[in-house]
Protein backbone atom coordinates (compact mmCIF):
# COMPACT_ATOMS: atom_id res chain seq x y z
CA MET A 1 163.13 127.28 56.92
CA ASP A 2 162.59 125.67 53.52
CA GLU A 3 161.53 122.45 55.24
CA LEU A 4 158.86 124.33 57.19
CA ILE A 5 157.49 125.96 54.03
CA SER A 6 157.46 122.59 52.29
CA LEU A 7 155.68 120.98 55.24
CA VAL A 8 152.99 123.68 55.30
CA GLY A 9 152.59 123.38 51.53
CA ASN A 10 152.16 119.62 51.70
CA VAL A 11 150.00 119.47 54.81
CA GLY A 12 148.06 122.71 54.35
CA PHE A 13 146.02 121.53 51.37
CA PRO A 14 144.65 118.37 53.05
CA ILE A 15 143.80 120.39 56.16
CA ALA A 16 141.95 122.98 54.07
CA VAL A 17 140.00 120.27 52.22
CA SER A 18 139.14 118.53 55.50
CA CYS A 19 137.84 121.77 57.02
CA TYR A 20 135.77 122.51 53.93
CA LEU A 21 134.20 119.05 53.96
CA LEU A 22 133.58 119.23 57.71
CA ILE A 23 131.67 122.49 57.28
CA ARG A 24 129.57 121.01 54.45
CA VAL A 25 128.81 117.84 56.44
CA GLU A 26 127.88 119.90 59.50
CA LYS A 27 125.20 121.74 57.51
CA ARG A 28 123.78 118.43 56.29
CA ILE A 29 123.72 117.02 59.82
CA ILE A 30 121.82 120.08 61.06
CA GLU A 31 119.28 119.69 58.24
CA LEU A 32 118.87 115.97 58.94
CA THR A 33 118.42 116.61 62.67
CA HIS A 34 115.66 119.13 61.90
CA CYS A 35 113.93 116.65 59.56
CA ILE A 36 114.09 113.88 62.15
CA GLN A 37 112.62 116.17 64.81
CA THR A 38 109.80 117.17 62.47
CA LEU A 39 109.13 113.55 61.57
CA SER A 40 109.08 112.57 65.23
CA ALA A 41 106.59 115.35 66.03
CA ASN A 42 104.34 114.28 63.14
CA ILE A 43 104.41 110.65 64.25
CA SER A 44 103.54 111.62 67.83
CA HIS A 45 100.54 113.61 66.54
CA LEU A 46 99.29 110.53 64.67
CA SER A 47 99.37 108.36 67.78
């Protein structure tokens, strides 16, 4: 039982940090996708 608690303690922090960073990166990707779509629409209007 102590081994399981130790494993969760050691592995839980990196998993939590990874999830946090994944959520932050996902928001940035959504913003970048929107900007690229807007840029593409503006370029097509110029043509």
